[in-house]
Amino acid sequence: MEMVQVVFLTVLMFFVLVTVHEWGHYYFAKRAGILVREFAIGFGPKLFSYKRNETQFTLRLLPFGGYARMAGEDPEIVEIGAGQMIAVRLGQDNKVKNIYLDALDTRKNVIRGEAEYTDLENELKIRLDVDGDVTTYDVHPQAMMIKGTQQTQIAPKDRQFGSKTVGQRALAIVAGPVMNFLLAFILFAVYIQMVGVPVENPTYVQIGEVSKGMPAEEAGLKEGDIIDTVNGVKIGADYQKMIDLTAASEGKEMKWTLIREDQPINVTLVPRSMPDQEGGKIGISPQLPSRNAGFGETIKFSGVEMVNTTEAIFLGFKQLINKFNMNDIGGPVRTFEITGKIAQQGIEYLTRWAAILSLYLGIFNLLPIPALDGSRLAFLGVEALRGKPVDPGHEGMVHFVGFAMLFLLMIAVTYNDILRLISG
């Protein structure tokens, strides 16, 4: 696979994994009536941005994840103080459409005055004193606050994250990991459709990987070839027989008959010695004979892959806790490196790897680590038990400290990955 294609598929895979996760948050937040201010892939400076309806969709520089920023999660609207000079523009319904906080003299078709009273969350009203004439204006629930080039849509109380029920908020949070689980299941199913399922009681040996620079590759053996005879001896399903015949023929010419696309092919090759290994080697490994999977089998084996991979992920967590080693942790650089190598092996292997990463992303985000979805769900669980929410300031501080620690860990891991690449 060409390097440009490998890079493209690697970047595309990460884009899909993160987008699917954040789309889960976005979709169920919108379903609950929450204003989603930004749907971002990546962190840091913007590379690309466009606005659709109420949401700003952005692609950012650092490919460490993404977020769906919901109204009410962070303080983001500038308060309008009593006595502050502002300007408002009315819409056709005579409701305030735009609220200007600066450069008032340059604004056209506006009403300028001193704000006596402002409520942009509950009553949606502004009372202005215009040269001694006091008037109260209704504010449109989608009105924009404008300061310089920055425009921020107001968020009435019923559009904010905190105003929704515990169940609605929990669904908006858990939807991200759930979408990753669903994507993993679909990708495992696609992989099974690509490679098939093992044949029960196989009657032949099929070639899997062919090592570069070895006699098998030089003789033209390919993945998927069926080994029929070796030096006239029928192999059947006995792979060990092929190994023994090859090992005994080190440096000697061998006659092989292969079946490729139902046609016999005769090849000649000479096994060679390998360091620290006995007997002749030709550089092939077997693969289990497979057949096309039916719909029911695809569902069944996708579920098996999900269970087995989940067990492996938690085993990895356990080993990491019992014996922490920085070299056992891979950041974005190492993940991109591994993904690139897997992509070179073929699209089917990249599909399975994407399924594993999607499942890992879903599980990792559900861990009760501050700043992750699991921690936010834990706070909602406490709220459900207490009957009242945890103080937003305290919760926000926990998430901020957790995010800072995760970010520092990411920097350290990335630095370690780069050093490892440089040192080989």
Protein backbone atom coordinates (compact mmCIF):
# COMPACT_ATOMS: atom_id res chain seq x y z
CA MET A 1 0.00 0.00 0.00
CA GLU A 2 1.41 3.38 -0.99
CA MET A 3 2.60 5.63 1.84
CA VAL A 4 0.23 8.47 0.89
CA GLN A 5 -2.67 6.03 1.00
CA VAL A 6 -1.53 4.68 4.36
CA VAL A 7 -1.35 8.19 5.86
CA PHE A 8 -4.75 9.08 4.41
CA LEU A 9 -6.41 5.93 5.78
CA THR A 10 -4.77 6.44 9.19
CA VAL A 11 -5.98 10.04 9.49
CA LEU A 12 -9.42 9.07 8.17
CA MET A 13 -9.72 6.30 10.76
CA PHE A 14 -9.01 8.64 13.67
CA PHE A 15 -11.35 11.26 12.21
CA VAL A 16 -14.18 8.72 12.03
CA LEU A 17 -13.59 7.36 15.56
CA VAL A 18 -13.66 10.80 17.16
CA THR A 19 -16.49 12.13 14.99
CA VAL A 20 -18.75 9.19 15.80
CA HIS A 21 -18.08 9.63 19.53
CA GLU A 22 -18.79 13.36 19.55
CA TRP A 23 -21.79 12.94 17.26
CA GLY A 24 -23.36 10.76 19.94
CA HIS A 25 -23.03 13.61 22.46
CA TYR A 26 -24.24 16.17 19.91
CA TYR A 27 -27.27 14.26 18.67
CA PHE A 28 -28.72 13.35 22.06
CA ALA A 29 -27.99 16.81 23.47
CA LYS A 30 -29.97 18.30 20.59
CA ARG A 31 -32.74 15.76 21.16
CA ALA A 32 -32.96 16.98 24.77
CA GLY A 33 -33.21 20.61 23.60
CA ILE A 34 -29.71 21.58 24.74
CA LEU A 35 -27.94 24.29 22.75
CA VAL A 36 -24.70 22.79 21.37
CA ARG A 37 -22.41 25.75 20.74
CA GLU A 38 -19.52 23.90 19.08
CA PHE A 39 -18.85 20.48 17.60
CA ALA A 40 -15.05 20.20 17.44
CA ILE A 41 -12.67 17.54 16.21
CA GLY A 42 -9.25 18.10 17.78
CA PHE A 43 -8.01 20.79 20.14
CA GLY A 44 -6.03 24.00 19.76
CA PRO A 45 -6.12 26.50 16.88
CA LYS A 46 -8.88 26.23 14.28
CA LEU A 47 -8.00 24.82 10.87
CA PHE A 48 -11.50 24.90 9.41
CA SER A 49 -14.84 26.14 10.66
CA TYR A 50 -18.40 26.62 9.47
CA LYS A 51 -21.72 27.23 11.19
CA ARG A 52 -24.90 25.28 10.62
CA ASN A 53 -28.06 26.24 12.45
CA GLU A 54 -26.94 27.00 16.00
CA THR A 55 -23.71 24.97 16.08
CA GLN A 56 -20.20 25.90 14.98
CA PHE A 57 -18.44 22.89 13.43
CA THR A 58 -14.65 23.13 13.70
CA LEU A 59 -11.59 21.11 12.81
CA ARG A 60 -8.67 21.92 15.12
CA LEU A 61 -4.92 21.40 14.93
CA LEU A 62 -4.14 18.86 17.68
CA PRO A 63 -5.68 15.43 16.92
CA PHE A 64 -6.09 14.40 20.57
CA GLY A 65 -9.87 14.01 20.55
CA GLY A 66 -12.79 16.38 20.28
CA TYR A 67 -15.76 17.80 22.13
CA ALA A 68 -19.38 18.92 21.83
CA ARG A 69 -19.58 22.14 23.86
CA MET A 70 -23.04 22.53 25.37
CA ALA A 71 -24.55 25.73 26.72
CA GLY A 72 -24.34 26.00 30.49
CA GLU A 73 -21.27 23.80 30.88
CA ASP A 74 -18.91 26.81 30.95
CA PRO A 75 -19.42 30.52 31.67
CA GLU A 76 -19.24 32.00 28.20
CA ILE A 77 -21.61 34.98 27.93
CA VAL A 78 -20.44 38.45 29.00
CA GLU A 79 -22.71 39.87 31.69
CA ILE A 80 -24.44 43.17 31.02
CA GLY A 81 -24.18 45.37 34.11
CA ALA A 82 -26.70 47.95 35.24
CA GLY A 83 -25.81 51.32 33.73
CA GLN A 84 -23.80 49.79 30.86
CA MET A 85 -24.30 51.38 27.45
CA ILE A 86 -25.41 48.87 24.84
CA ALA A 87 -27.21 48.80 21.51
CA VAL A 88 -29.95 46.45 20.38
CA ARG A 89 -31.40 45.64 16.99
CA LEU A 90 -34.98 44.49 16.72
CA GLY A 91 -36.29 41.81 14.39
CA GLN A 92 -39.54 41.88 12.47
CA ASP A 93 -41.37 40.54 15.54
CA ASN A 94 -40.08 43.56 17.55
CA LYS A 95 -37.97 41.26 19.72
CA VAL A 96 -34.30 41.95 20.31
CA LYS A 97 -32.34 40.06 17.67
CA ASN A 98 -28.81 41.37 18.28
CA ILE A 99 -27.20 42.86 21.40
CA TYR A 100 -24.07 44.98 20.77
CA LEU A 101 -21.58 45.53 23.57
CA ASP A 102 -18.97 47.73 21.85
CA ALA A 103 -18.40 50.08 18.91
CA LEU A 104 -21.93 51.36 19.48
CA ASP A 105 -21.52 54.46 17.31
CA THR A 106 -20.73 52.34 14.26
CA ARG A 107 -23.82 50.14 14.58
CA LYS A 108 -26.63 51.00 12.20
CA ASN A 109 -30.36 50.54 12.64
CA VAL A 110 -30.01 50.00 16.36
CA ILE A 111 -31.40 51.45 19.56
CA ARG A 112 -28.67 52.72 21.88
CA GLY A 113 -29.25 53.21 25.58
CA GLU A 114 -28.31 52.50 29.15
CA ALA A 115 -29.20 49.03 30.39
CA GLU A 116 -31.28 49.23 33.57
CA TYR A 117 -32.26 45.56 33.75
CA THR A 118 -31.22 42.47 31.80
CA ASP A 119 -32.39 38.86 32.07
CA LEU A 120 -31.23 36.62 29.22
CA GLU A 121 -31.96 33.28 30.90
CA ASN A 122 -35.46 33.33 32.40
CA GLU A 123 -37.59 36.36 31.51
CA LEU A 124 -35.70 37.20 28.29
CA LYS A 125 -36.11 40.94 28.74
CA ILE A 126 -33.95 44.05 28.49
CA ARG A 127 -34.97 47.43 29.95
CA LEU A 128 -33.23 50.37 28.27
CA ASP A 129 -33.07 54.03 29.21
CA VAL A 130 -32.82 55.97 25.95
CA ASP A 131 -32.35 59.66 26.80
CA GLY A 132 -34.74 59.37 29.74
CA ASP A 133 -37.28 57.23 27.89
CA VAL A 134 -37.35 53.79 29.59
CA THR A 135 -38.61 50.87 27.48
CA THR A 136 -38.67 47.11 28.15
CA TYR A 137 -37.93 44.87 25.16
CA ASP A 138 -38.56 41.16 24.76
CA VAL A 139 -35.45 39.22 23.72
CA HIS A 140 -35.62 36.51 21.07
CA PRO A 141 -34.51 33.12 22.52
CA GLN A 142 -31.89 32.87 19.75
CA ALA A 143 -30.61 36.44 20.03
CA MET A 144 -26.90 37.06 19.47
CA MET A 145 -24.54 38.97 21.76
CA ILE A 146 -21.88 40.71 19.69
CA LYS A 147 -18.56 42.10 20.89
CA GLY A 148 -16.01 42.88 18.23
CA THR A 149 -15.97 39.97 15.81
CA GLN A 150 -17.20 37.48 18.41
CA GLN A 151 -20.85 36.45 18.27
CA THR A 152 -22.39 34.32 21.01
CA GLN A 153 -25.94 33.06 20.99
CA ILE A 154 -27.76 33.51 24.28
CA ALA A 155 -28.87 30.37 26.08
CA PRO A 156 -32.21 30.58 27.90
CA LYS A 157 -32.37 28.44 31.02
CA ASP A 158 -34.33 25.69 29.26
CA ARG A 159 -31.60 25.38 26.59
CA GLN A 160 -28.78 24.83 29.10
CA PHE A 161 -27.28 21.47 30.01
CA GLY A 162 -27.96 21.85 33.73
CA SER A 163 -31.67 22.51 33.24
CA LYS A 164 -32.37 19.04 31.87
CA THR A 165 -33.29 15.97 33.88
CA VAL A 166 -30.59 13.62 35.17
CA GLY A 167 -31.72 11.04 32.62
CA GLN A 168 -31.48 13.45 29.68
CA ARG A 169 -28.02 14.63 30.71
CA ALA A 170 -26.81 11.09 31.35
CA LEU A 171 -28.03 10.01 27.92
CA ALA A 172 -26.23 12.92 26.23
CA ILE A 173 -23.00 11.92 28.00
CA VAL A 174 -23.14 8.14 27.65
CA ALA A 175 -24.15 8.39 23.98
CA GLY A 176 -20.54 9.11 22.96
CA PRO A 177 -19.07 5.84 24.26
CA VAL A 178 -22.16 3.91 23.15
CA MET A 179 -21.64 5.16 19.58
CA ASN A 180 -18.06 3.87 19.77
CA PHE A 181 -19.34 0.45 20.89
CA LEU A 182 -21.82 0.41 18.02
CA LEU A 183 -19.12 1.44 15.53
CA ALA A 184 -16.78 -1.28 16.88
CA PHE A 185 -19.49 -3.92 16.39
CA ILE A 186 -20.14 -2.74 12.82
CA LEU A 187 -16.41 -2.69 11.98
CA PHE A 188 -15.93 -6.18 13.40
CA ALA A 189 -18.84 -7.30 11.21
CA VAL A 190 -17.25 -5.68 8.14
CA TYR A 191 -13.95 -7.39 8.97
CA ILE A 192 -15.68 -10.79 9.24
CA GLN A 193 -17.36 -10.22 5.91
CA MET A 194 -13.94 -9.46 4.42
CA VAL A 195 -12.02 -12.43 5.81
CA GLY A 196 -14.84 -14.92 6.35
CA VAL A 197 -15.12 -17.48 9.16
CA PRO A 198 -12.93 -20.55 9.80
CA VAL A 199 -13.81 -23.72 7.95
CA GLU A 200 -14.63 -26.58 10.30
CA ASN A 201 -12.42 -29.65 9.86
CA PRO A 202 -10.35 -28.15 7.00
CA THR A 203 -8.90 -30.49 4.39
CA TYR A 204 -6.07 -28.23 3.20
CA VAL A 205 -3.39 -25.79 4.32
CA GLN A 206 -3.69 -22.18 3.14
CA ILE A 207 -0.82 -19.72 3.04
CA GLY A 208 -1.17 -16.65 5.27
CA GLU A 209 1.66 -14.13 5.52
CA VAL A 210 4.55 -14.33 3.05
CA SER A 211 7.78 -12.82 4.41
CA LYS A 212 9.65 -10.39 2.22
CA GLY A 213 13.02 -11.46 0.82
CA MET A 214 12.43 -15.13 1.59
CA PRO A 215 12.31 -18.06 -0.87
CA ALA A 216 8.51 -18.19 -0.81
CA GLU A 217 8.19 -14.59 -2.01
CA GLU A 218 10.97 -15.10 -4.59
CA ALA A 219 9.12 -18.16 -5.94
CA GLY A 220 5.86 -16.20 -6.25
CA LEU A 221 3.86 -17.74 -3.39
CA LYS A 222 0.94 -15.52 -2.34
CA GLU A 223 -1.41 -15.19 0.59
CA GLY A 224 -4.44 -17.41 0.04
CA ASP A 225 -2.61 -20.06 -2.00
CA ILE A 226 -3.50 -23.64 -1.05
CA ILE A 227 -0.55 -26.04 -0.63
CA ASP A 228 -1.39 -29.21 -2.58
CA THR A 229 1.86 -31.21 -2.74
CA VAL A 230 5.47 -30.77 -1.59
CA ASN A 231 7.98 -32.92 -3.51
CA GLY A 232 5.06 -35.01 -4.66
CA VAL A 233 3.74 -35.62 -1.14
CA LYS A 234 0.10 -34.64 -0.53
CA ILE A 235 -0.12 -32.17 2.36
CA GLY A 236 -3.86 -32.12 3.00
CA ALA A 237 -4.51 -30.30 6.29
CA ASP A 238 -1.19 -31.37 7.87
CA TYR A 239 0.83 -28.14 8.16
CA GLN A 240 3.44 -29.89 10.31
CA LYS A 241 4.18 -32.29 7.43
CA MET A 242 5.00 -29.31 5.20
CA ILE A 243 7.29 -27.88 7.91
CA ASP A 244 9.15 -31.18 8.33
CA LEU A 245 9.67 -31.64 4.58
CA THR A 246 10.91 -28.05 4.26
CA ALA A 247 13.25 -28.28 7.25
CA ALA A 248 14.82 -31.46 5.83
CA SER A 249 15.43 -29.78 2.48
CA GLU A 250 17.70 -26.94 3.56
CA GLY A 251 19.73 -25.80 0.53
CA LYS A 252 17.97 -28.31 -1.71
CA GLU A 253 15.60 -27.61 -4.58
CA MET A 254 11.95 -28.43 -3.84
CA LYS A 255 8.94 -28.87 -6.12
CA TRP A 256 5.68 -27.43 -4.83
CA THR A 257 2.19 -27.58 -6.31
CA LEU A 258 -0.22 -24.83 -5.25
CA ILE A 259 -3.89 -24.21 -5.95
CA ARG A 260 -4.65 -20.60 -6.81
CA GLU A 261 -8.14 -19.60 -7.95
CA ASP A 262 -8.92 -23.29 -8.55
CA GLN A 263 -5.92 -23.65 -10.87
CA PRO A 264 -2.77 -25.73 -10.12
CA ILE A 265 0.55 -23.85 -10.11
CA ASN A 266 3.98 -25.51 -10.00
CA VAL A 267 6.85 -23.65 -8.35
CA THR A 268 10.46 -24.43 -7.46
CA LEU A 269 12.15 -23.04 -4.36
CA VAL A 270 15.16 -23.69 -2.15
CA PRO A 271 14.76 -23.45 1.68
CA ARG A 272 17.51 -21.53 3.42
CA SER A 273 18.90 -21.50 6.94
CA MET A 274 17.93 -18.82 9.47
CA PRO A 275 19.98 -17.65 12.48
CA ASP A 276 19.19 -19.54 15.69
CA GLN A 277 16.70 -21.79 13.88
CA GLU A 278 17.04 -25.40 12.83
CA GLY A 279 16.29 -26.68 9.33
CA GLY A 280 15.33 -24.92 6.13
CA LYS A 281 12.88 -22.02 6.05
CA ILE A 282 10.95 -20.49 3.16
CA GLY A 283 9.14 -17.63 4.93
CA ILE A 284 5.45 -18.46 5.11
CA SER A 285 2.89 -18.78 7.89
CA PRO A 286 -0.44 -20.57 7.63
CA GLN A 287 -3.89 -19.11 7.95
CA LEU A 288 -7.02 -20.98 8.83
CA PRO A 289 -9.07 -21.82 5.75
CA SER A 290 -12.14 -19.63 5.70
CA ARG A 291 -15.48 -19.31 3.98
CA ASN A 292 -17.98 -16.50 3.51
CA ALA A 293 -19.94 -15.70 6.65
CA GLY A 294 -23.73 -15.64 6.68
CA PHE A 295 -25.71 -12.85 8.33
CA GLY A 296 -26.28 -14.76 11.56
CA GLU A 297 -22.64 -15.86 11.73
CA THR A 298 -21.48 -12.28 11.19
CA ILE A 299 -23.56 -11.08 14.14
CA LYS A 300 -22.39 -14.00 16.30
CA PHE A 301 -18.67 -13.61 15.57
CA SER A 302 -18.84 -9.81 15.89
CA GLY A 303 -20.20 -10.32 19.39
CA VAL A 304 -17.43 -12.82 20.15
CA GLU A 305 -14.82 -10.30 18.95
CA MET A 306 -16.40 -7.60 21.16
CA VAL A 307 -16.26 -9.84 24.24
CA ASN A 308 -12.72 -11.12 23.63
CA THR A 309 -11.36 -7.64 22.89
CA THR A 310 -13.06 -6.16 25.96
CA GLU A 311 -11.47 -8.83 28.15
CA ALA A 312 -8.07 -8.08 26.61
CA ILE A 313 -8.49 -4.33 27.21
CA PHE A 314 -9.34 -4.79 30.90
CA LEU A 315 -6.46 -7.24 31.28
CA GLY A 316 -4.19 -4.54 29.88
CA PHE A 317 -5.58 -2.01 32.40
CA LYS A 318 -4.93 -4.48 35.22
CA GLN A 319 -1.35 -5.13 34.14
CA LEU A 320 -0.71 -1.38 33.78
CA ILE A 321 -1.96 -0.73 37.32
CA ASN A 322 0.01 -3.60 38.85
CA LYS A 323 3.25 -2.63 37.11
CA PHE A 324 3.26 0.87 35.70
CA ASN A 325 5.81 1.55 32.97
CA MET A 326 5.83 4.65 30.77
CA ASN A 327 6.99 2.55 27.82
CA ASP A 328 3.80 0.50 28.06
CA ILE A 329 1.68 3.59 27.36
CA GLY A 330 1.28 4.79 23.80
CA GLY A 331 0.19 8.30 22.87
CA PRO A 332 -0.99 9.69 19.53
CA VAL A 333 2.47 9.33 17.95
CA ARG A 334 2.79 5.65 18.84
CA THR A 335 -0.82 4.94 17.89
CA PHE A 336 -0.32 6.59 14.50
CA GLU A 337 2.88 4.58 14.03
CA ILE A 338 1.19 1.26 14.80
CA THR A 339 -1.84 2.17 12.72
CA GLY A 340 0.38 2.97 9.74
CA LYS A 341 2.09 -0.42 9.98
CA ILE A 342 -1.25 -2.22 10.21
CA ALA A 343 -2.62 -0.24 7.25
CA GLN A 344 0.29 -1.50 5.15
CA GLN A 345 -0.91 -5.08 5.76
CA GLY A 346 -4.26 -4.44 4.09
CA ILE A 347 -7.63 -2.79 4.54
CA GLU A 348 -9.08 -5.79 6.36
CA TYR A 349 -6.45 -5.57 9.10
CA LEU A 350 -6.94 -1.80 9.39
CA THR A 351 -10.70 -2.36 9.72
CA ARG A 352 -10.22 -4.75 12.64
CA TRP A 353 -7.70 -2.39 14.26
CA ALA A 354 -10.20 0.49 13.92
CA ALA A 355 -12.82 -1.68 15.63
CA ILE A 356 -10.41 -2.38 18.51
CA LEU A 357 -9.56 1.31 18.90
CA SER A 358 -13.22 2.31 18.80
CA LEU A 359 -14.05 -0.21 21.53
CA TYR A 360 -11.06 0.97 23.58
CA LEU A 361 -12.10 4.61 23.18
CA GLY A 362 -15.60 3.82 24.42
CA ILE A 363 -14.38 1.83 27.43
CA PHE A 364 -11.67 4.34 28.37
CA ASN A 365 -14.13 7.25 28.29
CA LEU A 366 -16.44 5.43 30.72
CA LEU A 367 -13.71 5.12 33.36
CA PRO A 368 -14.40 7.40 36.37
CA ILE A 369 -11.41 9.61 35.61
CA PRO A 370 -11.96 13.38 36.00
CA ALA A 371 -12.71 15.14 32.69
CA LEU A 372 -13.84 11.89 31.02
CA ASP A 373 -17.44 10.89 30.39
CA GLY A 374 -17.29 8.33 33.20
CA SER A 375 -16.53 11.03 35.76
CA ARG A 376 -19.41 13.20 34.55
CA LEU A 377 -21.73 10.21 34.81
CA ALA A 378 -20.47 9.62 38.36
CA PHE A 379 -21.41 13.17 39.34
CA LEU A 380 -24.87 12.65 37.84
CA GLY A 381 -25.17 9.45 39.85
CA VAL A 382 -24.38 11.37 43.05
CA GLU A 383 -26.96 13.99 42.07
CA ALA A 384 -29.59 11.30 41.53
CA LEU A 385 -28.87 9.82 44.99
CA ARG A 386 -28.77 13.19 46.81
CA GLY A 387 -31.72 14.68 44.97
CA LYS A 388 -29.70 17.81 44.20
CA PRO A 389 -26.69 18.56 41.99
CA VAL A 390 -23.10 18.79 43.18
CA ASP A 391 -21.88 22.37 43.39
CA PRO A 392 -21.01 23.31 39.75
CA GLY A 393 -17.87 25.09 40.91
CA HIS A 394 -16.56 22.02 42.70
CA GLU A 395 -17.43 19.72 39.80
CA GLY A 396 -15.85 22.11 37.31
CA MET A 397 -12.64 22.23 39.35
CA VAL A 398 -12.44 18.42 39.46
CA HIS A 399 -12.85 18.19 35.67
CA PHE A 400 -10.35 21.01 35.10
CA VAL A 401 -7.68 19.36 37.27
CA GLY A 402 -8.38 16.01 35.63
CA PHE A 403 -8.11 17.46 32.13
CA ALA A 404 -4.86 19.24 33.05
CA MET A 405 -3.37 15.99 34.41
CA LEU A 406 -4.47 14.02 31.34
CA PHE A 407 -3.01 16.69 29.07
CA LEU A 408 0.31 16.65 30.94
CA LEU A 409 0.36 12.84 30.75
CA MET A 410 -0.32 13.08 27.01
CA ILE A 411 2.61 15.47 26.58
CA ALA A 412 4.90 13.16 28.55
CA VAL A 413 3.80 10.07 26.62
CA THR A 414 4.15 11.86 23.27
CA TYR A 415 7.65 13.05 24.25
CA ASN A 416 8.57 9.48 25.20
CA ASP A 417 7.18 8.17 21.89
CA ILE A 418 9.22 10.69 19.89
CA LEU A 419 12.41 9.79 21.80
CA ARG A 420 11.73 6.11 21.13
CA LEU A 421 11.30 6.78 17.40
CA ILE A 422 14.51 8.82 17.26
CA SER A 423 16.51 6.19 19.15
CA GLY A 424 15.00 3.42 17.02
